[in-house]
Full PDB file with SEQRES, HELIX, SHEET, SSBOND, CRYST1, ORIGX, SCALE, CONECT and MASTER records, all heavy atoms in Angstrom:
SEQRES   1 A   39  SER GLY GLY GLY LEU VAL GLN PRO GLY GLY SER LEU ARG          
SEQRES   2 A   39  LEU SER CYS ARG GLY SER GLY ILE ILE PHE SER SER TYR          
SEQRES   3 A   39  ASP MET GLY TRP TYR ARG GLN ALA PRO GLY LYS GLN ARG          
HELIX    1 AA1 PHE A   23  SER A   25  5                                   3    
CRYST1    1.000    1.000    1.000  90.00  90.00  90.00 P 1           1          
ORIGX1      1.000000  0.000000  0.000000        0.00000                         
ORIGX2      0.000000  1.000000  0.000000        0.00000                         
ORIGX3      0.000000  0.000000  1.000000        0.00000                         
SCALE1      1.000000  0.000000  0.000000        0.00000                         
SCALE2      0.000000  1.000000  0.000000        0.00000                         
SCALE3      0.000000  0.000000  1.000000        0.00000                         
ATOM      1  N   SER A   1     398.019  55.721 162.404  1.00  0.00           N  
ATOM      2  CA  SER A   1     397.636  54.444 163.003  1.00  0.00           C  
ATOM      3  C   SER A   1     398.420  54.250 164.290  1.00  0.00           C  
ATOM      4  O   SER A   1     399.397  54.977 164.547  1.00  0.00           O  
ATOM      5  CB  SER A   1     397.896  53.283 162.046  1.00  0.00           C  
ATOM      6  OG  SER A   1     399.262  53.201 161.716  1.00  0.00           O  
ATOM      7  N   GLY A   2     397.985  53.285 165.086  1.00  0.00           N  
ATOM      8  CA  GLY A   2     398.723  52.935 166.298  1.00  0.00           C  
ATOM      9  C   GLY A   2     398.145  53.474 167.583  1.00  0.00           C  
ATOM     10  O   GLY A   2     398.649  53.166 168.672  1.00  0.00           O  
ATOM     11  N   GLY A   3     397.111  54.277 167.502  1.00  0.00           N  
ATOM     12  CA  GLY A   3     396.494  54.797 168.720  1.00  0.00           C  
ATOM     13  C   GLY A   3     395.734  53.718 169.467  1.00  0.00           C  
ATOM     14  O   GLY A   3     395.545  52.615 168.980  1.00  0.00           O  
ATOM     15  N   GLY A   4     395.305  54.060 170.676  1.00  0.00           N  
ATOM     16  CA  GLY A   4     394.556  53.120 171.484  1.00  0.00           C  
ATOM     17  C   GLY A   4     394.677  53.443 172.952  1.00  0.00           C  
ATOM     18  O   GLY A   4     395.046  54.563 173.332  1.00  0.00           O  
ATOM     19  N   LEU A   5     394.395  52.447 173.762  1.00  0.00           N  
ATOM     20  CA  LEU A   5     394.461  52.586 175.214  1.00  0.00           C  
ATOM     21  C   LEU A   5     395.810  52.070 175.713  1.00  0.00           C  
ATOM     22  O   LEU A   5     396.232  50.963 175.332  1.00  0.00           O  
ATOM     23  CB  LEU A   5     393.330  51.786 175.864  1.00  0.00           C  
ATOM     24  CG  LEU A   5     393.291  51.725 177.383  1.00  0.00           C  
ATOM     25  CD1 LEU A   5     393.056  53.104 177.977  1.00  0.00           C  
ATOM     26  CD2 LEU A   5     392.223  50.740 177.840  1.00  0.00           C  
ATOM     27  N   VAL A   6     396.462  52.854 176.536  1.00  0.00           N  
ATOM     28  CA  VAL A   6     397.759  52.461 177.101  1.00  0.00           C  
ATOM     29  C   VAL A   6     397.771  52.830 178.570  1.00  0.00           C  
ATOM     30  O   VAL A   6     397.189  53.851 178.973  1.00  0.00           O  
ATOM     31  CB  VAL A   6     398.917  53.119 176.332  1.00  0.00           C  
ATOM     32  CG1 VAL A   6     398.850  54.621 176.388  1.00  0.00           C  
ATOM     33  CG2 VAL A   6     400.271  52.608 176.809  1.00  0.00           C  
ATOM     34  N   GLN A   7     398.426  52.007 179.371  1.00  0.00           N  
ATOM     35  CA  GLN A   7     398.520  52.303 180.798  1.00  0.00           C  
ATOM     36  C   GLN A   7     399.595  53.339 181.065  1.00  0.00           C  
ATOM     37  O   GLN A   7     400.588  53.417 180.319  1.00  0.00           O  
ATOM     38  CB  GLN A   7     398.844  51.031 181.566  1.00  0.00           C  
ATOM     39  CG  GLN A   7     397.711  50.019 181.582  1.00  0.00           C  
ATOM     40  CD  GLN A   7     397.995  48.857 182.525  1.00  0.00           C  
ATOM     41  OE1 GLN A   7     399.130  48.621 182.924  1.00  0.00           O  
ATOM     42  NE2 GLN A   7     396.949  48.124 182.885  1.00  0.00           N  
ATOM     43  N   PRO A   8     399.422  54.127 182.105  1.00  0.00           N  
ATOM     44  CA  PRO A   8     400.484  55.071 182.483  1.00  0.00           C  
ATOM     45  C   PRO A   8     401.806  54.336 182.683  1.00  0.00           C  
ATOM     46  O   PRO A   8     401.844  53.267 183.307  1.00  0.00           O  
ATOM     47  CB  PRO A   8     399.971  55.663 183.798  1.00  0.00           C  
ATOM     48  CG  PRO A   8     398.491  55.519 183.729  1.00  0.00           C  
ATOM     49  CD  PRO A   8     398.246  54.233 182.993  1.00  0.00           C  
ATOM     50  N   GLY A   9     402.867  54.905 182.123  1.00  0.00           N  
ATOM     51  CA  GLY A   9     404.170  54.271 182.227  1.00  0.00           C  
ATOM     52  C   GLY A   9     404.452  53.233 181.169  1.00  0.00           C  
ATOM     53  O   GLY A   9     405.560  52.695 181.097  1.00  0.00           O  
ATOM     54  N   GLY A  10     403.480  52.926 180.330  1.00  0.00           N  
ATOM     55  CA  GLY A  10     403.665  51.959 179.260  1.00  0.00           C  
ATOM     56  C   GLY A  10     404.351  52.578 178.053  1.00  0.00           C  
ATOM     57  O   GLY A  10     405.152  53.517 178.196  1.00  0.00           O  
ATOM     58  N   SER A  11     404.053  52.048 176.873  1.00  0.00           N  
ATOM     59  CA  SER A  11     404.602  52.627 175.652  1.00  0.00           C  
ATOM     60  C   SER A  11     403.639  52.394 174.499  1.00  0.00           C  
ATOM     61  O   SER A  11     402.826  51.456 174.523  1.00  0.00           O  
ATOM     62  CB  SER A  11     405.976  52.038 175.333  1.00  0.00           C  
ATOM     63  OG  SER A  11     405.876  50.658 175.064  1.00  0.00           O  
ATOM     64  N   LEU A  12     403.748  53.263 173.509  1.00  0.00           N  
ATOM     65  CA  LEU A  12     402.880  53.197 172.337  1.00  0.00           C  
ATOM     66  C   LEU A  12     403.625  53.848 171.182  1.00  0.00           C  
ATOM     67  O   LEU A  12     404.356  54.827 171.393  1.00  0.00           O  
ATOM     68  CB  LEU A  12     401.573  53.952 172.617  1.00  0.00           C  
ATOM     69  CG  LEU A  12     400.365  53.700 171.715  1.00  0.00           C  
ATOM     70  CD1 LEU A  12     399.865  52.276 171.903  1.00  0.00           C  
ATOM     71  CD2 LEU A  12     399.258  54.687 172.050  1.00  0.00           C  
ATOM     72  N   ARG A  13     403.468  53.313 169.978  1.00  0.00           N  
ATOM     73  CA  ARG A  13     404.085  53.932 168.810  1.00  0.00           C  
ATOM     74  C   ARG A  13     403.016  54.287 167.797  1.00  0.00           C  
ATOM     75  O   ARG A  13     402.272  53.414 167.337  1.00  0.00           O  
ATOM     76  CB  ARG A  13     405.135  53.030 168.172  1.00  0.00           C  
ATOM     77  CG  ARG A  13     405.937  53.760 167.100  1.00  0.00           C  
ATOM     78  CD  ARG A  13     407.054  52.933 166.510  1.00  0.00           C  
ATOM     79  NE  ARG A  13     406.576  52.001 165.492  1.00  0.00           N  
ATOM     80  CZ  ARG A  13     407.340  51.476 164.544  1.00  0.00           C  
ATOM     81  NH1 ARG A  13     408.623  51.797 164.489  1.00  0.00           N  
ATOM     82  NH2 ARG A  13     406.838  50.629 163.671  1.00  0.00           N  
ATOM     83  N   LEU A  14     402.988  55.550 167.444  1.00  0.00           N  
ATOM     84  CA  LEU A  14     402.097  56.025 166.393  1.00  0.00           C  
ATOM     85  C   LEU A  14     402.850  56.061 165.066  1.00  0.00           C  
ATOM     86  O   LEU A  14     404.047  56.344 165.031  1.00  0.00           O  
ATOM     87  CB  LEU A  14     401.571  57.421 166.718  1.00  0.00           C  
ATOM     88  CG  LEU A  14     400.892  57.618 168.066  1.00  0.00           C  
ATOM     89  CD1 LEU A  14     400.380  59.053 168.184  1.00  0.00           C  
ATOM     90  CD2 LEU A  14     399.784  56.616 168.284  1.00  0.00           C  
ATOM     91  N   SER A  15     402.117  55.795 163.999  1.00  0.00           N  
ATOM     92  CA  SER A  15     402.677  55.864 162.649  1.00  0.00           C  
ATOM     93  C   SER A  15     401.799  56.755 161.788  1.00  0.00           C  
ATOM     94  O   SER A  15     400.587  56.859 162.012  1.00  0.00           O  
ATOM     95  CB  SER A  15     402.747  54.473 162.019  1.00  0.00           C  
ATOM     96  OG  SER A  15     403.532  53.585 162.773  1.00  0.00           O  
ATOM     97  N   CYS A  16     402.407  57.380 160.811  1.00  0.00           N  
ATOM     98  CA  CYS A  16     401.672  58.196 159.848  1.00  0.00           C  
ATOM     99  C   CYS A  16     402.312  57.987 158.481  1.00  0.00           C  
ATOM    100  O   CYS A  16     403.481  58.326 158.292  1.00  0.00           O  
ATOM    101  CB  CYS A  16     401.698  59.659 160.235  1.00  0.00           C  
ATOM    102  SG  CYS A  16     401.059  60.779 158.959  1.00  0.00           S  
ATOM    103  N   ARG A  17     401.529  57.447 157.569  1.00  0.00           N  
ATOM    104  CA  ARG A  17     402.033  57.204 156.220  1.00  0.00           C  
ATOM    105  C   ARG A  17     401.450  58.235 155.274  1.00  0.00           C  
ATOM    106  O   ARG A  17     400.238  58.458 155.235  1.00  0.00           O  
ATOM    107  CB  ARG A  17     401.690  55.800 155.753  1.00  0.00           C  
ATOM    108  CG  ARG A  17     402.353  55.443 154.428  1.00  0.00           C  
ATOM    109  CD  ARG A  17     402.064  54.009 154.023  1.00  0.00           C  
ATOM    110  NE  ARG A  17     402.817  53.604 152.860  1.00  0.00           N  
ATOM    111  CZ  ARG A  17     402.524  53.943 151.609  1.00  0.00           C  
ATOM    112  NH1 ARG A  17     401.451  54.693 151.361  1.00  0.00           N  
ATOM    113  NH2 ARG A  17     403.265  53.534 150.610  1.00  0.00           N  
ATOM    114  N   GLY A  18     402.326  58.854 154.495  1.00  0.00           N  
ATOM    115  CA  GLY A  18     401.898  59.861 153.548  1.00  0.00           C  
ATOM    116  C   GLY A  18     401.887  59.341 152.130  1.00  0.00           C  
ATOM    117  O   GLY A  18     402.671  58.461 151.774  1.00  0.00           O  
ATOM    118  N   SER A  19     400.988  59.887 151.333  1.00  0.00           N  
ATOM    119  CA  SER A  19     400.946  59.581 149.906  1.00  0.00           C  
ATOM    120  C   SER A  19     400.507  60.837 149.163  1.00  0.00           C  
ATOM    121  O   SER A  19     399.877  61.734 149.723  1.00  0.00           O  
ATOM    122  CB  SER A  19     399.978  58.420 149.624  1.00  0.00           C  
ATOM    123  OG  SER A  19     398.667  58.742 150.038  1.00  0.00           O  
ATOM    124  N   GLY A  20     400.882  60.898 147.898  1.00  0.00           N  
ATOM    125  CA  GLY A  20     400.515  62.066 147.099  1.00  0.00           C  
ATOM    126  C   GLY A  20     401.444  63.248 147.266  1.00  0.00           C  
ATOM    127  O   GLY A  20     401.174  64.329 146.736  1.00  0.00           O  
ATOM    128  N   ILE A  21     402.521  63.069 148.034  1.00  0.00           N  
ATOM    129  CA  ILE A  21     403.516  64.124 148.232  1.00  0.00           C  
ATOM    130  C   ILE A  21     404.913  63.513 148.106  1.00  0.00           C  
ATOM    131  O   ILE A  21     405.079  62.300 148.242  1.00  0.00           O  
ATOM    132  CB  ILE A  21     403.402  64.804 149.615  1.00  0.00           C  
ATOM    133  CG1 ILE A  21     403.521  63.767 150.751  1.00  0.00           C  
ATOM    134  CG2 ILE A  21     402.116  65.595 149.732  1.00  0.00           C  
ATOM    135  CD1 ILE A  21     403.570  64.370 152.143  1.00  0.00           C  
ATOM    136  N   ILE A  22     405.881  64.381 147.844  1.00  0.00           N  
ATOM    137  CA  ILE A  22     407.288  63.940 147.894  1.00  0.00           C  
ATOM    138  C   ILE A  22     407.674  64.002 149.370  1.00  0.00           C  
ATOM    139  O   ILE A  22     408.129  65.030 149.874  1.00  0.00           O  
ATOM    140  CB  ILE A  22     408.179  64.819 147.015  1.00  0.00           C  
ATOM    141  CG1 ILE A  22     407.676  64.784 145.566  1.00  0.00           C  
ATOM    142  CG2 ILE A  22     409.624  64.336 147.084  1.00  0.00           C  
ATOM    143  CD1 ILE A  22     408.405  65.724 144.631  1.00  0.00           C  
ATOM    144  N   PHE A  23     407.442  62.897 150.069  1.00  0.00           N  
ATOM    145  CA  PHE A  23     407.507  62.853 151.528  1.00  0.00           C  
ATOM    146  C   PHE A  23     408.803  63.420 152.077  1.00  0.00           C  
ATOM    147  O   PHE A  23     408.790  64.169 153.054  1.00  0.00           O  
ATOM    148  CB  PHE A  23     407.331  61.403 151.974  1.00  0.00           C  
ATOM    149  CG  PHE A  23     407.209  61.218 153.451  1.00  0.00           C  
ATOM    150  CD1 PHE A  23     405.982  61.341 154.084  1.00  0.00           C  
ATOM    151  CD2 PHE A  23     408.334  60.910 154.208  1.00  0.00           C  
ATOM    152  CE1 PHE A  23     405.878  61.178 155.455  1.00  0.00           C  
ATOM    153  CE2 PHE A  23     408.237  60.736 155.574  1.00  0.00           C  
ATOM    154  CZ  PHE A  23     406.998  60.871 156.197  1.00  0.00           C  
ATOM    155  N   SER A  24     409.905  63.096 151.435  1.00  0.00           N  
ATOM    156  CA  SER A  24     411.214  63.507 151.960  1.00  0.00           C  
ATOM    157  C   SER A  24     411.420  65.013 151.918  1.00  0.00           C  
ATOM    158  O   SER A  24     412.335  65.530 152.572  1.00  0.00           O  
ATOM    159  CB  SER A  24     412.333  62.806 151.191  1.00  0.00           C  
ATOM    160  OG  SER A  24     412.256  63.136 149.814  1.00  0.00           O  
ATOM    161  N   SER A  25     410.594  65.727 151.200  1.00  0.00           N  
ATOM    162  CA  SER A  25     410.724  67.182 151.072  1.00  0.00           C  
ATOM    163  C   SER A  25     409.945  67.949 152.133  1.00  0.00           C  
ATOM    164  O   SER A  25     410.039  69.177 152.193  1.00  0.00           O  
ATOM    165  CB  SER A  25     410.253  67.638 149.692  1.00  0.00           C  
ATOM    166  OG  SER A  25     411.045  67.077 148.664  1.00  0.00           O  
ATOM    167  N   TYR A  26     409.176  67.235 152.947  1.00  0.00           N  
ATOM    168  CA  TYR A  26     408.279  67.872 153.908  1.00  0.00           C  
ATOM    169  C   TYR A  26     408.806  67.747 155.338  1.00  0.00           C  
ATOM    170  O   TYR A  26     409.283  66.674 155.741  1.00  0.00           O  
ATOM    171  CB  TYR A  26     406.884  67.248 153.846  1.00  0.00           C  
ATOM    172  CG  TYR A  26     406.077  67.701 152.661  1.00  0.00           C  
ATOM    173  CD1 TYR A  26     406.397  67.267 151.375  1.00  0.00           C  
ATOM    174  CD2 TYR A  26     405.012  68.572 152.810  1.00  0.00           C  
ATOM    175  CE1 TYR A  26     405.676  67.694 150.276  1.00  0.00           C  
ATOM    176  CE2 TYR A  26     404.271  68.996 151.718  1.00  0.00           C  
ATOM    177  CZ  TYR A  26     404.609  68.554 150.454  1.00  0.00           C  
ATOM    178  OH  TYR A  26     403.884  68.985 149.381  1.00  0.00           O  
ATOM    179  N   ASP A  27     408.703  68.843 156.086  1.00  0.00           N  
ATOM    180  CA  ASP A  27     408.853  68.752 157.528  1.00  0.00           C  
ATOM    181  C   ASP A  27     407.605  68.040 158.059  1.00  0.00           C  
ATOM    182  O   ASP A  27     406.475  68.362 157.664  1.00  0.00           O  
ATOM    183  CB  ASP A  27     408.948  70.141 158.162  1.00  0.00           C  
ATOM    184  CG  ASP A  27     410.204  70.888 157.743  1.00  0.00           C  
ATOM    185  OD1 ASP A  27     411.229  70.226 157.465  1.00  0.00           O  
ATOM    186  OD2 ASP A  27     410.159  72.126 157.702  1.00  0.00           O  
ATOM    187  N   MET A  28     407.801  67.084 158.955  1.00  0.00           N  
ATOM    188  CA  MET A  28     406.689  66.293 159.471  1.00  0.00           C  
ATOM    189  C   MET A  28     406.520  66.547 160.969  1.00  0.00           C  
ATOM    190  O   MET A  28     407.506  66.622 161.714  1.00  0.00           O  
ATOM    191  CB  MET A  28     406.937  64.805 159.236  1.00  0.00           C  
ATOM    192  CG  MET A  28     407.082  64.419 157.777  1.00  0.00           C  
ATOM    193  SD  MET A  28     405.618  64.800 156.792  1.00  0.00           S  
ATOM    194  CE  MET A  28     404.374  63.774 157.610  1.00  0.00           C  
ATOM    195  N   GLY A  29     405.277  66.648 161.386  1.00  0.00           N  
ATOM    196  CA  GLY A  29     405.024  66.924 162.796  1.00  0.00           C  
ATOM    197  C   GLY A  29     403.876  66.106 163.356  1.00  0.00           C  
ATOM    198  O   GLY A  29     403.055  65.564 162.614  1.00  0.00           O  
ATOM    199  N   TRP A  30     403.868  66.006 164.660  1.00  0.00           N  
ATOM    200  CA  TRP A  30     402.748  65.437 165.405  1.00  0.00           C  
ATOM    201  C   TRP A  30     402.172  66.531 166.296  1.00  0.00           C  
ATOM    202  O   TRP A  30     402.913  67.219 167.005  1.00  0.00           O  
ATOM    203  CB  TRP A  30     403.189  64.260 166.268  1.00  0.00           C  
ATOM    204  CG  TRP A  30     403.482  63.013 165.502  1.00  0.00           C  
ATOM    205  CD1 TRP A  30     404.710  62.564 165.091  1.00  0.00           C  
ATOM    206  CD2 TRP A  30     402.539  62.040 165.059  1.00  0.00           C  
ATOM    207  NE1 TRP A  30     404.579  61.388 164.413  1.00  0.00           N  
ATOM    208  CE2 TRP A  30     403.256  61.039 164.374  1.00  0.00           C  
ATOM    209  CE3 TRP A  30     401.153  61.910 165.165  1.00  0.00           C  
ATOM    210  CZ2 TRP A  30     402.639  59.921 163.809  1.00  0.00           C  
ATOM    211  CZ3 TRP A  30     400.530  60.806 164.603  1.00  0.00           C  
ATOM    212  CH2 TRP A  30     401.269  59.827 163.939  1.00  0.00           C  
ATOM    213  N   TYR A  31     400.862  66.654 166.242  1.00  0.00           N  
ATOM    214  CA  TYR A  31     400.118  67.574 167.098  1.00  0.00           C  
ATOM    215  C   TYR A  31     399.129  66.752 167.902  1.00  0.00           C  
ATOM    216  O   TYR A  31     398.837  65.609 167.563  1.00  0.00           O  
ATOM    217  CB  TYR A  31     399.352  68.603 166.260  1.00  0.00           C  
ATOM    218  CG  TYR A  31     400.205  69.638 165.595  1.00  0.00           C  
ATOM    219  CD1 TYR A  31     401.047  69.327 164.531  1.00  0.00           C  
ATOM    220  CD2 TYR A  31     400.157  70.973 166.010  1.00  0.00           C  
ATOM    221  CE1 TYR A  31     401.830  70.286 163.913  1.00  0.00           C  
ATOM    222  CE2 TYR A  31     400.927  71.954 165.392  1.00  0.00           C  
ATOM    223  CZ  TYR A  31     401.754  71.599 164.343  1.00  0.00           C  
ATOM    224  OH  TYR A  31     402.516  72.562 163.738  1.00  0.00           O  
ATOM    225  N   ARG A  32     398.578  67.366 168.943  1.00  0.00           N  
ATOM    226  CA  ARG A  32     397.523  66.685 169.697  1.00  0.00           C  
ATOM    227  C   ARG A  32     396.487  67.692 170.170  1.00  0.00           C  
ATOM    228  O   ARG A  32     396.792  68.879 170.361  1.00  0.00           O  
ATOM    229  CB  ARG A  32     398.097  65.915 170.878  1.00  0.00           C  
ATOM    230  CG  ARG A  32     398.715  66.761 171.980  1.00  0.00           C  
ATOM    231  CD  ARG A  32     399.385  65.861 173.013  1.00  0.00           C  
ATOM    232  NE  ARG A  32     399.976  66.622 174.112  1.00  0.00           N  
ATOM    233  CZ  ARG A  32     400.739  66.082 175.058  1.00  0.00           C  
ATOM    234  NH1 ARG A  32     401.008  64.757 175.027  1.00  0.00           N  
ATOM    235  NH2 ARG A  32     401.227  66.813 176.030  1.00  0.00           N  
ATOM    236  N   GLN A  33     395.282  67.160 170.352  1.00  0.00           N  
ATOM    237  CA  GLN A  33     394.180  68.012 170.807  1.00  0.00           C  
ATOM    238  C   GLN A  33     393.346  67.244 171.811  1.00  0.00           C  
ATOM    239  O   GLN A  33     392.764  66.207 171.472  1.00  0.00           O  
ATOM    240  CB  GLN A  33     393.327  68.464 169.624  1.00  0.00           C  
ATOM    241  CG  GLN A  33     392.272  69.481 169.983  1.00  0.00           C  
ATOM    242  CD  GLN A  33     391.651  70.121 168.752  1.00  0.00           C  
ATOM    243  OE1 GLN A  33     391.724  69.586 167.638  1.00  0.00           O  
ATOM    244  NE2 GLN A  33     391.048  71.284 168.936  1.00  0.00           N  
ATOM    245  N   ALA A  34     393.317  67.745 173.024  1.00  0.00           N  
ATOM    246  CA  ALA A  34     392.479  67.164 174.066  1.00  0.00           C  
ATOM    247  C   ALA A  34     391.101  67.817 174.015  1.00  0.00           C  
ATOM    248  O   ALA A  34     390.962  68.936 173.498  1.00  0.00           O  
ATOM    249  CB  ALA A  34     393.132  67.370 175.431  1.00  0.00           C  
ATOM    250  N   PRO A  35     390.088  67.166 174.558  1.00  0.00           N  
ATOM    251  CA  PRO A  35     388.726  67.739 174.523  1.00  0.00           C  
ATOM    252  C   PRO A  35     388.683  69.135 175.131  1.00  0.00           C  
ATOM    253  O   PRO A  35     389.193  69.367 176.235  1.00  0.00           O  
ATOM    254  CB  PRO A  35     387.910  66.745 175.350  1.00  0.00           C  
ATOM    255  CG  PRO A  35     388.636  65.461 175.212  1.00  0.00           C  
ATOM    256  CD  PRO A  35     390.092  65.826 175.154  1.00  0.00           C  
ATOM    257  N   GLY A  36     388.108  70.066 174.403  1.00  0.00           N  
ATOM    258  CA  GLY A  36     387.950  71.425 174.903  1.00  0.00           C  
ATOM    259  C   GLY A  36     389.202  72.273 174.857  1.00  0.00           C  
ATOM    260  O   GLY A  36     389.207  73.399 175.362  1.00  0.00           O  
ATOM    261  N   LYS A  37     390.267  71.731 174.264  1.00  0.00           N  
ATOM    262  CA  LYS A  37     391.534  72.474 174.222  1.00  0.00           C  
ATOM    263  C   LYS A  37     391.971  72.699 172.779  1.00  0.00           C  
ATOM    264  O   LYS A  37     391.480  72.071 171.854  1.00  0.00           O  
ATOM    265  CB  LYS A  37     392.610  71.725 174.995  1.00  0.00           C  
ATOM    266  CG  LYS A  37     392.329  71.613 176.493  1.00  0.00           C  
ATOM    267  CD  LYS A  37     393.509  71.064 177.239  1.00  0.00           C  
ATOM    268  CE  LYS A  37     393.249  71.056 178.742  1.00  0.00           C  
ATOM    269  NZ  LYS A  37     394.430  70.550 179.503  1.00  0.00           N  
ATOM    270  N   GLN A  38     392.928  73.584 172.587  1.00  0.00           N  
ATOM    271  CA  GLN A  38     393.440  73.857 171.255  1.00  0.00           C  
ATOM    272  C   GLN A  38     394.389  72.748 170.822  1.00  0.00           C  
ATOM    273  O   GLN A  38     394.873  71.961 171.644  1.00  0.00           O  
ATOM    274  CB  GLN A  38     394.173  75.199 171.235  1.00  0.00           C  
ATOM    275  CG  GLN A  38     395.450  75.238 172.052  1.00  0.00           C  
ATOM    276  CD  GLN A  38     396.130  76.603 172.013  1.00  0.00           C  
ATOM    277  OE1 GLN A  38     395.508  77.602 171.683  1.00  0.00           O  
ATOM    278  NE2 GLN A  38     397.408  76.644 172.329  1.00  0.00           N  
ATOM    279  N   ARG A  39     394.653  72.703 169.519  1.00  0.00           N  
ATOM    280  CA  ARG A  39     395.601  71.737 168.981  1.00  0.00           C  
ATOM    281  C   ARG A  39     397.014  72.265 169.216  1.00  0.00           C  
ATOM    282  O   ARG A  39     397.349  73.381 168.818  1.00  0.00           O  
ATOM    283  CB  ARG A  39     395.339  71.536 167.494  1.00  0.00           C  
ATOM    284  CG  ARG A  39     396.124  70.412 166.876  1.00  0.00           C  
ATOM    285  CD  ARG A  39     395.714  70.177 165.427  1.00  0.00           C  
ATOM    286  NE  ARG A  39     394.324  69.762 165.321  1.00  0.00           N  
ATOM    287  CZ  ARG A  39     393.758  69.372 164.166  1.00  0.00           C  
ATOM    288  NH1 ARG A  39     394.483  69.330 163.058  1.00  0.00           N  
ATOM    289  NH2 ARG A  39     392.497  69.026 164.143  1.00  0.00           N  
TER     290      ARG A  39                                                      
MASTER        0    0    0    1    0    0    0    6  289    1    0    3          
END                                                                             
C-alpha cells in the first residue's frame, strides 16, 4: 500500500504487510518494474 502520484522531489512511503509467514524469519525486499523493463 501507499503508492500513488508524487511530485519530483517530494516523498512517499510504501508499506507491505505480510501474513501466513513467520515474518521476522524472512529477508524482505522491494523490487520495481517499469513498463517494458525487467523487475
